[in-house]
Amino acid sequence: MTEPLHDHGKNSDKLLASMPTEANFIKAADTFQQLCDSTRLKILWLLCHSEECVYNIAAAVGMSGSAVSHHLRTLKQTGLIQYQRIGKEVHYTLANTAEARLVHQMIDDIFEMHCLK
């Protein structure tokens, strides 16, 4: 049983009435979790500022194409990146979502980057 809130004159009950669902918090945590891996952070940094194929991403982060593909799959699942097939290659870039725009802004701020894209 949930105890009633203490009334401190801060309108906590109104704030809690508008609290996002558990699913929304889980989605947000999944998004932020992508930033906790330095390789994914490098990939995101690159894709914030350019569209790249797996080969170029792998060369930029110093990993094999299959290892990079694993990270790209995770980033796609969280909706942070998108891709398009161009001939035989698949090109990746940052998604056009609110979450991806937030990540882009965070990356630019953290690395004191002025967006080139």
N, C-alpha and C. Protein backbone atom coordinates (compact mmCIF):
# COMPACT_ATOMS: atom_id res chain seq x y z
N MET A 1 0.85 -1.19 0.00
CA MET A 1 0.00 0.00 0.00
C MET A 1 0.89 1.25 0.00
N THR A 2 0.54 2.21 -0.82
CA THR A 2 1.29 3.45 -0.91
C THR A 2 0.78 4.43 0.14
N GLU A 3 1.74 5.00 0.84
CA GLU A 3 1.40 6.00 1.86
C GLU A 3 1.09 7.32 1.18
N PRO A 4 0.20 8.12 1.80
CA PRO A 4 -0.07 9.45 1.22
C PRO A 4 1.17 10.33 1.30
N LEU A 5 1.26 11.25 0.36
CA LEU A 5 2.40 12.17 0.33
C LEU A 5 2.32 13.17 1.46
N HIS A 6 3.46 13.60 1.94
CA HIS A 6 3.50 14.71 2.89
C HIS A 6 3.23 15.98 2.10
N ASP A 7 2.42 16.84 2.64
CA ASP A 7 2.11 18.10 1.95
C ASP A 7 3.11 19.15 2.38
N HIS A 8 4.06 19.47 1.51
CA HIS A 8 5.08 20.48 1.78
C HIS A 8 4.80 21.75 0.99
N GLY A 9 3.61 21.85 0.43
CA GLY A 9 3.26 23.02 -0.36
C GLY A 9 3.95 23.08 -1.71
N LYS A 10 4.42 21.96 -2.19
CA LYS A 10 5.16 21.92 -3.47
C LYS A 10 4.37 21.29 -4.60
N ASN A 11 3.12 20.96 -4.37
CA ASN A 11 2.26 20.34 -5.38
C ASN A 11 2.83 19.02 -5.91
N SER A 12 3.45 18.24 -5.04
CA SER A 12 4.04 16.96 -5.44
C SER A 12 3.01 16.02 -6.04
N ASP A 13 1.79 16.06 -5.51
CA ASP A 13 0.75 15.17 -6.03
C ASP A 13 0.45 15.46 -7.49
N LYS A 14 0.44 16.73 -7.87
CA LYS A 14 0.19 17.09 -9.28
C LYS A 14 1.35 16.64 -10.16
N LEU A 15 2.56 16.82 -9.65
CA LEU A 15 3.73 16.38 -10.41
C LEU A 15 3.70 14.87 -10.63
N LEU A 16 3.43 14.13 -9.57
CA LEU A 16 3.40 12.67 -9.68
C LEU A 16 2.27 12.17 -10.56
N ALA A 17 1.19 12.93 -10.65
CA ALA A 17 0.07 12.55 -11.53
C ALA A 17 0.49 12.59 -13.00
N SER A 18 1.51 13.40 -13.31
CA SER A 18 1.96 13.49 -14.70
C SER A 18 3.24 12.70 -14.95
N MET A 19 3.63 11.86 -13.98
CA MET A 19 4.87 11.07 -14.13
C MET A 19 4.75 10.13 -15.32
N PRO A 20 5.80 10.06 -16.14
CA PRO A 20 5.79 9.13 -17.29
C PRO A 20 5.61 7.68 -16.82
N THR A 21 5.22 6.85 -17.75
CA THR A 21 5.00 5.43 -17.43
C THR A 21 6.35 4.73 -17.22
N GLU A 22 6.30 3.56 -16.63
CA GLU A 22 7.51 2.76 -16.43
C GLU A 22 8.15 2.44 -17.77
N ALA A 23 7.34 2.17 -18.79
CA ALA A 23 7.88 1.87 -20.12
C ALA A 23 8.67 3.06 -20.67
N ASN A 24 8.20 4.28 -20.40
CA ASN A 24 8.93 5.47 -20.86
C ASN A 24 10.27 5.60 -20.14
N PHE A 25 10.29 5.30 -18.84
CA PHE A 25 11.56 5.36 -18.10
C PHE A 25 12.54 4.30 -18.60
N ILE A 26 12.02 3.12 -18.92
CA ILE A 26 12.88 2.05 -19.44
C ILE A 26 13.46 2.46 -20.79
N LYS A 27 12.64 3.05 -21.65
CA LYS A 27 13.12 3.51 -22.96
C LYS A 27 14.20 4.57 -22.79
N ALA A 28 14.00 5.51 -21.87
CA ALA A 28 15.00 6.55 -21.63
C ALA A 28 16.29 5.94 -21.10
N ALA A 29 16.18 4.98 -20.19
CA ALA A 29 17.37 4.32 -19.65
C ALA A 29 18.13 3.58 -20.75
N ASP A 30 17.39 2.92 -21.66
CA ASP A 30 18.03 2.23 -22.79
C ASP A 30 18.80 3.22 -23.67
N THR A 31 18.21 4.39 -23.89
CA THR A 31 18.86 5.41 -24.70
C THR A 31 20.15 5.88 -24.03
N PHE A 32 20.08 6.21 -22.75
CA PHE A 32 21.27 6.69 -22.04
C PHE A 32 22.32 5.60 -21.89
N GLN A 33 21.88 4.35 -21.83
CA GLN A 33 22.83 3.25 -21.70
C GLN A 33 23.76 3.18 -22.92
N GLN A 34 23.27 3.62 -24.07
CA GLN A 34 24.10 3.59 -25.28
C GLN A 34 25.32 4.49 -25.14
N LEU A 35 25.22 5.51 -24.29
CA LEU A 35 26.32 6.45 -24.11
C LEU A 35 27.36 5.94 -23.12
N CYS A 36 27.11 4.81 -22.50
CA CYS A 36 28.01 4.28 -21.48
C CYS A 36 29.11 3.39 -22.07
N ASP A 37 29.12 3.20 -23.35
CA ASP A 37 30.13 2.39 -24.01
C ASP A 37 30.95 3.30 -24.91
N SER A 38 32.27 3.33 -24.71
CA SER A 38 33.09 4.28 -25.46
C SER A 38 33.06 4.03 -26.96
N THR A 39 32.94 2.78 -27.38
CA THR A 39 32.88 2.50 -28.83
C THR A 39 31.58 3.05 -29.42
N ARG A 40 30.46 2.79 -28.75
CA ARG A 40 29.19 3.33 -29.25
C ARG A 40 29.21 4.85 -29.23
N LEU A 41 29.84 5.43 -28.22
CA LEU A 41 29.95 6.88 -28.15
C LEU A 41 30.76 7.42 -29.32
N LYS A 42 31.85 6.74 -29.68
CA LYS A 42 32.64 7.13 -30.86
C LYS A 42 31.80 7.04 -32.13
N ILE A 43 31.06 5.94 -32.24
CA ILE A 43 30.20 5.76 -33.43
C ILE A 43 29.15 6.86 -33.49
N LEU A 44 28.53 7.14 -32.36
CA LEU A 44 27.52 8.20 -32.33
C LEU A 44 28.13 9.55 -32.67
N TRP A 45 29.31 9.83 -32.14
CA TRP A 45 29.99 11.08 -32.44
C TRP A 45 30.18 11.21 -33.96
N LEU A 46 30.66 10.14 -34.58
CA LEU A 46 30.89 10.14 -36.02
C LEU A 46 29.58 10.35 -36.79
N LEU A 47 28.54 9.61 -36.39
CA LEU A 47 27.28 9.66 -37.13
C LEU A 47 26.48 10.93 -36.86
N CYS A 48 26.81 11.64 -35.79
CA CYS A 48 26.21 12.96 -35.56
C CYS A 48 26.67 13.94 -36.63
N HIS A 49 27.84 13.68 -37.18
CA HIS A 49 28.46 14.66 -38.05
C HIS A 49 28.68 14.18 -39.48
N SER A 50 28.33 12.93 -39.77
CA SER A 50 28.48 12.45 -41.14
C SER A 50 27.64 11.19 -41.34
N GLU A 51 27.46 10.83 -42.58
CA GLU A 51 26.83 9.57 -42.94
C GLU A 51 27.95 8.65 -43.39
N GLU A 52 28.00 7.44 -42.83
CA GLU A 52 29.13 6.56 -43.10
C GLU A 52 28.68 5.12 -43.32
N CYS A 53 29.50 4.38 -44.07
CA CYS A 53 29.29 2.94 -44.24
C CYS A 53 30.02 2.20 -43.12
N VAL A 54 29.72 0.92 -42.96
CA VAL A 54 30.33 0.10 -41.91
C VAL A 54 31.85 0.10 -42.04
N TYR A 55 32.36 0.01 -43.25
CA TYR A 55 33.81 -0.02 -43.47
C TYR A 55 34.47 1.23 -42.90
N ASN A 56 33.91 2.41 -43.20
CA ASN A 56 34.49 3.66 -42.70
C ASN A 56 34.35 3.79 -41.18
N ILE A 57 33.21 3.35 -40.66
CA ILE A 57 33.01 3.40 -39.20
C ILE A 57 34.03 2.50 -38.51
N ALA A 58 34.21 1.30 -39.06
CA ALA A 58 35.17 0.35 -38.48
C ALA A 58 36.58 0.93 -38.50
N ALA A 59 36.95 1.55 -39.60
CA ALA A 59 38.29 2.15 -39.70
C ALA A 59 38.44 3.30 -38.70
N ALA A 60 37.39 4.08 -38.53
CA ALA A 60 37.45 5.23 -37.63
C ALA A 60 37.59 4.83 -36.16
N VAL A 61 36.94 3.72 -35.78
CA VAL A 61 36.98 3.30 -34.37
C VAL A 61 38.00 2.19 -34.13
N GLY A 62 38.66 1.71 -35.19
CA GLY A 62 39.70 0.70 -35.04
C GLY A 62 39.18 -0.66 -34.63
N MET A 63 38.08 -1.08 -35.23
CA MET A 63 37.47 -2.38 -34.93
C MET A 63 37.13 -3.09 -36.23
N SER A 64 36.81 -4.37 -36.10
CA SER A 64 36.37 -5.13 -37.27
C SER A 64 34.96 -4.71 -37.67
N GLY A 65 34.64 -4.96 -38.92
CA GLY A 65 33.30 -4.66 -39.41
C GLY A 65 32.22 -5.40 -38.65
N SER A 66 32.48 -6.66 -38.28
CA SER A 66 31.47 -7.44 -37.55
C SER A 66 31.26 -6.89 -36.15
N ALA A 67 32.33 -6.43 -35.49
CA ALA A 67 32.18 -5.84 -34.16
C ALA A 67 31.40 -4.54 -34.24
N VAL A 68 31.68 -3.73 -35.26
CA VAL A 68 30.96 -2.47 -35.45
C VAL A 68 29.49 -2.76 -35.77
N SER A 69 29.24 -3.77 -36.58
CA SER A 69 27.86 -4.13 -36.92
C SER A 69 27.04 -4.47 -35.68
N HIS A 70 27.68 -5.13 -34.72
CA HIS A 70 27.00 -5.45 -33.45
C HIS A 70 26.59 -4.16 -32.75
N HIS A 71 27.49 -3.19 -32.67
CA HIS A 71 27.16 -1.91 -32.03
C HIS A 71 26.09 -1.16 -32.81
N LEU A 72 26.18 -1.19 -34.13
CA LEU A 72 25.18 -0.51 -34.96
C LEU A 72 23.80 -1.12 -34.76
N ARG A 73 23.74 -2.44 -34.63
CA ARG A 73 22.46 -3.11 -34.39
C ARG A 73 21.84 -2.61 -33.08
N THR A 74 22.64 -2.49 -32.04
CA THR A 74 22.15 -2.00 -30.76
C THR A 74 21.66 -0.56 -30.87
N LEU A 75 22.41 0.26 -31.57
CA LEU A 75 22.02 1.66 -31.74
C LEU A 75 20.74 1.78 -32.57
N LYS A 76 20.57 0.91 -33.58
CA LYS A 76 19.34 0.91 -34.38
C LYS A 76 18.15 0.51 -33.52
N GLN A 77 18.34 -0.49 -32.67
CA GLN A 77 17.24 -0.98 -31.83
C GLN A 77 16.74 0.09 -30.87
N THR A 78 17.61 0.98 -30.44
CA THR A 78 17.17 2.05 -29.54
C THR A 78 16.69 3.28 -30.30
N GLY A 79 16.74 3.22 -31.62
CA GLY A 79 16.22 4.31 -32.43
C GLY A 79 17.14 5.52 -32.54
N LEU A 80 18.41 5.35 -32.22
CA LEU A 80 19.33 6.48 -32.29
C LEU A 80 19.94 6.68 -33.66
N ILE A 81 20.01 5.62 -34.46
CA ILE A 81 20.57 5.76 -35.80
C ILE A 81 19.59 5.18 -36.82
N GLN A 82 19.79 5.59 -38.06
CA GLN A 82 19.01 5.06 -39.17
C GLN A 82 19.98 4.71 -40.29
N TYR A 83 19.49 3.99 -41.26
CA TYR A 83 20.37 3.57 -42.35
C TYR A 83 19.62 3.59 -43.67
N GLN A 84 20.40 3.61 -44.73
CA GLN A 84 19.84 3.46 -46.07
C GLN A 84 20.83 2.66 -46.91
N ARG A 85 20.28 1.84 -47.76
CA ARG A 85 21.11 1.03 -48.65
C ARG A 85 21.41 1.85 -49.90
N ILE A 86 22.70 1.93 -50.22
CA ILE A 86 23.14 2.63 -51.43
C ILE A 86 23.97 1.62 -52.20
N GLY A 87 23.37 1.05 -53.24
CA GLY A 87 24.03 -0.03 -53.97
C GLY A 87 24.22 -1.22 -53.06
N LYS A 88 25.46 -1.68 -52.94
CA LYS A 88 25.77 -2.82 -52.08
C LYS A 88 26.10 -2.40 -50.64
N GLU A 89 26.23 -1.10 -50.42
CA GLU A 89 26.61 -0.62 -49.09
C GLU A 89 25.40 -0.13 -48.31
N VAL A 90 25.54 -0.18 -47.00
CA VAL A 90 24.55 0.40 -46.10
C VAL A 90 25.22 1.59 -45.43
N HIS A 91 24.56 2.74 -45.51
CA HIS A 91 25.09 3.96 -44.91
C HIS A 91 24.26 4.31 -43.69
N TYR A 92 24.96 4.69 -42.62
CA TYR A 92 24.32 4.99 -41.34
C TYR A 92 24.47 6.46 -41.01
N THR A 93 23.48 6.99 -40.33
CA THR A 93 23.52 8.36 -39.82
C THR A 93 22.65 8.43 -38.58
N LEU A 94 22.73 9.54 -37.88
CA LEU A 94 21.91 9.72 -36.70
C LEU A 94 20.45 9.81 -37.12
N ALA A 95 19.58 9.22 -36.34
CA ALA A 95 18.14 9.25 -36.64
C ALA A 95 17.59 10.65 -36.43
N ASN A 96 16.44 10.90 -37.02
CA ASN A 96 15.76 12.18 -36.86
C ASN A 96 14.67 12.01 -35.80
N THR A 97 15.10 11.78 -34.56
CA THR A 97 14.18 11.62 -33.43
C THR A 97 14.58 12.58 -32.32
N ALA A 98 13.67 12.82 -31.40
CA ALA A 98 13.97 13.69 -30.27
C ALA A 98 15.13 13.14 -29.45
N GLU A 99 15.15 11.82 -29.26
CA GLU A 99 16.22 11.20 -28.49
C GLU A 99 17.57 11.38 -29.18
N ALA A 100 17.60 11.18 -30.49
CA ALA A 100 18.85 11.32 -31.24
C ALA A 100 19.32 12.76 -31.25
N ARG A 101 18.39 13.71 -31.36
CA ARG A 101 18.78 15.12 -31.32
C ARG A 101 19.36 15.48 -29.95
N LEU A 102 18.80 14.93 -28.89
CA LEU A 102 19.33 15.16 -27.55
C LEU A 102 20.74 14.59 -27.43
N VAL A 103 20.93 13.37 -27.91
CA VAL A 103 22.25 12.74 -27.88
C VAL A 103 23.25 13.58 -28.68
N HIS A 104 22.82 14.06 -29.84
CA HIS A 104 23.68 14.90 -30.67
C HIS A 104 24.11 16.14 -29.89
N GLN A 105 23.16 16.81 -29.26
CA GLN A 105 23.48 18.02 -28.49
C GLN A 105 24.43 17.70 -27.34
N MET A 106 24.20 16.58 -26.67
CA MET A 106 25.06 16.18 -25.56
C MET A 106 26.48 15.92 -26.05
N ILE A 107 26.61 15.21 -27.16
CA ILE A 107 27.92 14.90 -27.72
C ILE A 107 28.64 16.18 -28.12
N ASP A 108 27.94 17.09 -28.78
CA ASP A 108 28.56 18.35 -29.17
C ASP A 108 29.01 19.13 -27.94
N ASP A 109 28.19 19.15 -26.90
CA ASP A 109 28.54 19.88 -25.68
C ASP A 109 29.72 19.23 -24.95
N ILE A 110 29.69 17.91 -24.81
CA ILE A 110 30.74 17.20 -24.09
C ILE A 110 32.09 17.37 -24.78
N PHE A 111 32.10 17.28 -26.08
CA PHE A 111 33.36 17.35 -26.82
C PHE A 111 33.64 18.74 -27.38
N GLU A 112 32.85 19.71 -26.94
CA GLU A 112 33.01 21.10 -27.36
C GLU A 112 33.12 21.19 -28.88
N MET A 113 32.18 20.54 -29.53
CA MET A 113 32.16 20.43 -30.98
C MET A 113 31.14 21.43 -31.53
N HIS A 114 31.46 22.04 -32.62
CA HIS A 114 30.51 22.86 -33.34
C HIS A 114 30.08 22.02 -34.53
N CYS A 115 28.82 21.70 -34.56
CA CYS A 115 28.31 20.76 -35.54
C CYS A 115 28.65 21.18 -36.97
N LEU A 116 29.16 20.21 -37.72
CA LEU A 116 29.51 20.45 -39.12
C LEU A 116 28.38 20.03 -40.06
N LYS A 117 27.39 19.35 -39.52
CA LYS A 117 26.33 18.80 -40.35
C LYS A 117 25.14 19.71 -40.39
